[in-house]
Amino acid sequence: MTTVLNEIDLHHLTAEEAAYRLDKYLNDAFIAGKMRVKIIHGKGTGTLRQVVSEELAGHPLVRSYRLAGYGEGDDGVTIAELVMR
């Protein structure tokens, strides 16, 4: 059995790779009983942040999401709350 971490790092991935890995990670995190996950996309040009936002907005396992605050990773991280099982 694989351990699911509380975060995923999508740095240096293409938009397509990031979307695929994020979807798989959200499913794995849900199955593992995670309630909150941290998605590291970096600040850069904002492309990955946009991809993450679009994926989370329509994902059935995501209850809510927000950009991280001070000390959580700021604009380079998104925090997602998952639905309960």
N, C-alpha and C. Protein backbone atom coordinates (compact mmCIF):
# COMPACT_ATOMS: atom_id res chain seq x y z
N MET A 1 0.85 -1.19 0.00
CA MET A 1 0.00 0.00 0.00
C MET A 1 0.88 1.24 0.00
N THR A 2 0.54 2.21 -0.81
CA THR A 2 1.31 3.43 -0.93
C THR A 2 0.77 4.49 0.02
N THR A 3 1.68 5.21 0.67
CA THR A 3 1.29 6.30 1.55
C THR A 3 1.01 7.54 0.71
N VAL A 4 -0.09 8.20 0.98
CA VAL A 4 -0.44 9.43 0.28
C VAL A 4 -0.04 10.61 1.16
N LEU A 5 0.80 11.47 0.63
CA LEU A 5 1.26 12.64 1.37
C LEU A 5 0.17 13.69 1.44
N ASN A 6 0.35 14.68 2.30
CA ASN A 6 -0.61 15.77 2.44
C ASN A 6 -0.41 16.85 1.38
N GLU A 7 0.58 16.67 0.52
CA GLU A 7 0.83 17.66 -0.51
C GLU A 7 1.36 17.02 -1.78
N ILE A 8 1.20 17.76 -2.89
CA ILE A 8 1.75 17.34 -4.17
C ILE A 8 2.47 18.55 -4.76
N ASP A 9 3.62 18.30 -5.35
CA ASP A 9 4.42 19.35 -5.96
C ASP A 9 4.34 19.21 -7.48
N LEU A 10 3.79 20.22 -8.13
CA LEU A 10 3.60 20.19 -9.57
C LEU A 10 4.62 21.05 -10.32
N HIS A 11 5.62 21.56 -9.60
CA HIS A 11 6.66 22.38 -10.25
C HIS A 11 7.23 21.67 -11.48
N HIS A 12 7.57 22.43 -12.46
CA HIS A 12 8.29 21.97 -13.65
C HIS A 12 7.51 20.97 -14.50
N LEU A 13 6.22 20.90 -14.33
CA LEU A 13 5.40 20.03 -15.19
C LEU A 13 4.71 20.88 -16.24
N THR A 14 4.35 20.26 -17.34
CA THR A 14 3.51 20.96 -18.32
C THR A 14 2.10 21.03 -17.76
N ALA A 15 1.29 21.87 -18.35
CA ALA A 15 -0.10 22.00 -17.90
C ALA A 15 -0.83 20.67 -17.98
N GLU A 16 -0.62 19.94 -19.05
CA GLU A 16 -1.28 18.64 -19.23
C GLU A 16 -0.83 17.62 -18.18
N GLU A 17 0.48 17.56 -17.94
CA GLU A 17 1.01 16.65 -16.92
C GLU A 17 0.48 17.01 -15.53
N ALA A 18 0.45 18.31 -15.24
CA ALA A 18 -0.02 18.78 -13.93
C ALA A 18 -1.48 18.41 -13.72
N ALA A 19 -2.32 18.61 -14.73
CA ALA A 19 -3.74 18.29 -14.62
C ALA A 19 -3.94 16.80 -14.36
N TYR A 20 -3.21 15.97 -15.09
CA TYR A 20 -3.33 14.52 -14.94
C TYR A 20 -2.90 14.09 -13.53
N ARG A 21 -1.73 14.56 -13.11
CA ARG A 21 -1.22 14.17 -11.79
C ARG A 21 -2.09 14.69 -10.66
N LEU A 22 -2.63 15.89 -10.82
CA LEU A 22 -3.50 16.45 -9.79
C LEU A 22 -4.76 15.61 -9.64
N ASP A 23 -5.37 15.23 -10.75
CA ASP A 23 -6.58 14.41 -10.69
C ASP A 23 -6.31 13.09 -10.00
N LYS A 24 -5.23 12.43 -10.36
CA LYS A 24 -4.87 11.16 -9.73
C LYS A 24 -4.61 11.36 -8.24
N TYR A 25 -3.87 12.42 -7.90
CA TYR A 25 -3.56 12.70 -6.50
C TYR A 25 -4.83 12.95 -5.68
N LEU A 26 -5.77 13.74 -6.22
CA LEU A 26 -7.00 14.02 -5.49
C LEU A 26 -7.79 12.74 -5.22
N ASN A 27 -7.85 11.87 -6.19
CA ASN A 27 -8.53 10.58 -5.99
C ASN A 27 -7.83 9.74 -4.93
N ASP A 28 -6.50 9.67 -5.00
CA ASP A 28 -5.73 8.92 -4.01
C ASP A 28 -5.89 9.51 -2.61
N ALA A 29 -5.85 10.84 -2.53
CA ALA A 29 -5.98 11.51 -1.23
C ALA A 29 -7.36 11.26 -0.63
N PHE A 30 -8.39 11.29 -1.45
CA PHE A 30 -9.74 11.02 -0.98
C PHE A 30 -9.85 9.60 -0.44
N ILE A 31 -9.35 8.64 -1.20
CA ILE A 31 -9.39 7.24 -0.78
C ILE A 31 -8.62 7.04 0.53
N ALA A 32 -7.52 7.80 0.70
CA ALA A 32 -6.71 7.70 1.91
C ALA A 32 -7.33 8.45 3.09
N GLY A 33 -8.44 9.13 2.88
CA GLY A 33 -9.14 9.82 3.96
C GLY A 33 -8.62 11.21 4.28
N LYS A 34 -7.87 11.80 3.37
CA LYS A 34 -7.37 13.17 3.59
C LYS A 34 -8.53 14.14 3.49
N MET A 35 -8.53 15.14 4.37
CA MET A 35 -9.57 16.15 4.34
C MET A 35 -9.08 17.45 3.73
N ARG A 36 -7.77 17.68 3.83
CA ARG A 36 -7.16 18.91 3.29
C ARG A 36 -5.84 18.55 2.66
N VAL A 37 -5.59 19.11 1.47
CA VAL A 37 -4.34 18.85 0.78
C VAL A 37 -3.73 20.17 0.31
N LYS A 38 -2.43 20.12 0.14
CA LYS A 38 -1.66 21.29 -0.28
C LYS A 38 -1.12 21.00 -1.68
N ILE A 39 -1.38 21.91 -2.60
CA ILE A 39 -0.95 21.73 -3.99
C ILE A 39 0.08 22.81 -4.30
N ILE A 40 1.31 22.40 -4.51
CA ILE A 40 2.40 23.33 -4.76
C ILE A 40 2.55 23.49 -6.27
N HIS A 41 2.30 24.71 -6.75
CA HIS A 41 2.39 24.97 -8.19
C HIS A 41 3.42 26.05 -8.50
N GLY A 42 3.89 26.74 -7.50
CA GLY A 42 4.87 27.80 -7.70
C GLY A 42 4.21 29.09 -8.16
N LYS A 43 5.00 30.14 -8.17
CA LYS A 43 4.48 31.46 -8.56
C LYS A 43 4.67 31.69 -10.05
N GLY A 44 5.84 31.56 -10.55
CA GLY A 44 6.16 31.65 -11.98
C GLY A 44 5.26 32.56 -12.79
N THR A 45 4.82 32.06 -13.93
CA THR A 45 3.97 32.84 -14.84
C THR A 45 2.50 32.76 -14.46
N GLY A 46 2.15 31.87 -13.58
CA GLY A 46 0.76 31.70 -13.16
C GLY A 46 0.01 30.63 -13.95
N THR A 47 0.68 30.02 -14.92
CA THR A 47 0.02 29.02 -15.75
C THR A 47 -0.42 27.81 -14.93
N LEU A 48 0.48 27.27 -14.11
CA LEU A 48 0.11 26.10 -13.31
C LEU A 48 -0.94 26.46 -12.26
N ARG A 49 -0.85 27.67 -11.69
CA ARG A 49 -1.87 28.10 -10.72
C ARG A 49 -3.24 28.11 -11.39
N GLN A 50 -3.31 28.57 -12.63
CA GLN A 50 -4.56 28.60 -13.38
C GLN A 50 -5.07 27.20 -13.67
N VAL A 51 -4.17 26.31 -14.07
CA VAL A 51 -4.55 24.91 -14.34
C VAL A 51 -5.11 24.28 -13.07
N VAL A 52 -4.43 24.49 -11.95
CA VAL A 52 -4.88 23.93 -10.67
C VAL A 52 -6.26 24.47 -10.33
N SER A 53 -6.46 25.77 -10.46
CA SER A 53 -7.75 26.37 -10.16
C SER A 53 -8.86 25.79 -11.02
N GLU A 54 -8.60 25.64 -12.31
CA GLU A 54 -9.61 25.08 -13.22
C GLU A 54 -9.93 23.63 -12.88
N GLU A 55 -8.92 22.86 -12.55
CA GLU A 55 -9.14 21.45 -12.20
C GLU A 55 -9.94 21.33 -10.90
N LEU A 56 -9.59 22.14 -9.91
CA LEU A 56 -10.28 22.07 -8.62
C LEU A 56 -11.72 22.55 -8.71
N ALA A 57 -11.95 23.56 -9.55
CA ALA A 57 -13.30 24.13 -9.67
C ALA A 57 -14.32 23.11 -10.14
N GLY A 58 -13.91 22.18 -10.97
CA GLY A 58 -14.86 21.21 -11.49
C GLY A 58 -14.70 19.81 -10.95
N HIS A 59 -13.84 19.64 -9.95
CA HIS A 59 -13.58 18.28 -9.46
C HIS A 59 -14.62 17.86 -8.42
N PRO A 60 -15.23 16.70 -8.60
CA PRO A 60 -16.30 16.26 -7.70
C PRO A 60 -15.84 15.95 -6.27
N LEU A 61 -14.55 15.76 -6.05
CA LEU A 61 -14.06 15.44 -4.71
C LEU A 61 -13.61 16.68 -3.94
N VAL A 62 -13.67 17.84 -4.55
CA VAL A 62 -13.21 19.08 -3.92
C VAL A 62 -14.40 19.88 -3.41
N ARG A 63 -14.38 20.12 -2.10
CA ARG A 63 -15.44 20.91 -1.46
C ARG A 63 -15.18 22.40 -1.64
N SER A 64 -13.90 22.81 -1.43
CA SER A 64 -13.51 24.21 -1.58
C SER A 64 -12.01 24.29 -1.77
N TYR A 65 -11.56 25.44 -2.21
CA TYR A 65 -10.12 25.66 -2.36
C TYR A 65 -9.82 27.15 -2.28
N ARG A 66 -8.55 27.45 -1.96
CA ARG A 66 -8.12 28.84 -1.82
C ARG A 66 -6.61 28.91 -2.00
N LEU A 67 -6.13 30.08 -2.34
CA LEU A 67 -4.69 30.29 -2.35
C LEU A 67 -4.21 30.27 -0.91
N ALA A 68 -3.03 29.75 -0.69
CA ALA A 68 -2.47 29.68 0.65
C ALA A 68 -2.18 31.08 1.17
N GLY A 69 -2.22 31.21 2.47
CA GLY A 69 -1.94 32.48 3.11
C GLY A 69 -0.47 32.59 3.50
N TYR A 70 -0.17 33.65 4.18
CA TYR A 70 1.18 33.90 4.66
C TYR A 70 1.63 32.73 5.55
N GLY A 71 2.80 32.21 5.27
CA GLY A 71 3.33 31.09 6.04
C GLY A 71 2.88 29.72 5.55
N GLU A 72 1.93 29.69 4.62
CA GLU A 72 1.46 28.43 4.06
C GLU A 72 2.03 28.18 2.66
N GLY A 73 2.66 29.20 2.09
CA GLY A 73 3.19 29.08 0.74
C GLY A 73 2.75 30.23 -0.15
N ASP A 74 1.93 31.11 0.38
CA ASP A 74 1.45 32.28 -0.34
C ASP A 74 0.88 31.91 -1.71
N ASP A 75 1.15 32.72 -2.72
CA ASP A 75 0.58 32.52 -4.06
C ASP A 75 1.13 31.30 -4.80
N GLY A 76 2.14 30.65 -4.24
CA GLY A 76 2.72 29.49 -4.90
C GLY A 76 2.07 28.17 -4.50
N VAL A 77 1.05 28.27 -3.65
CA VAL A 77 0.39 27.06 -3.13
C VAL A 77 -1.12 27.27 -3.09
N THR A 78 -1.85 26.22 -3.38
CA THR A 78 -3.30 26.22 -3.23
C THR A 78 -3.68 25.15 -2.22
N ILE A 79 -4.58 25.48 -1.33
CA ILE A 79 -5.09 24.55 -0.33
C ILE A 79 -6.48 24.10 -0.77
N ALA A 80 -6.69 22.79 -0.79
CA ALA A 80 -8.01 22.26 -1.18
C ALA A 80 -8.59 21.45 -0.04
N GLU A 81 -9.85 21.65 0.21
CA GLU A 81 -10.62 20.86 1.18
C GLU A 81 -11.41 19.83 0.39
N LEU A 82 -11.28 18.58 0.77
CA LEU A 82 -11.96 17.50 0.06
C LEU A 82 -13.30 17.19 0.71
N VAL A 83 -14.20 16.62 -0.06
CA VAL A 83 -15.48 16.19 0.48
C VAL A 83 -15.24 15.03 1.44
N MET A 84 -16.18 14.84 2.35
CA MET A 84 -16.05 13.74 3.31
C MET A 84 -16.61 12.47 2.70
N ARG A 85 -16.02 11.35 3.08
CA ARG A 85 -16.49 10.05 2.60
C ARG A 85 -17.75 9.64 3.28
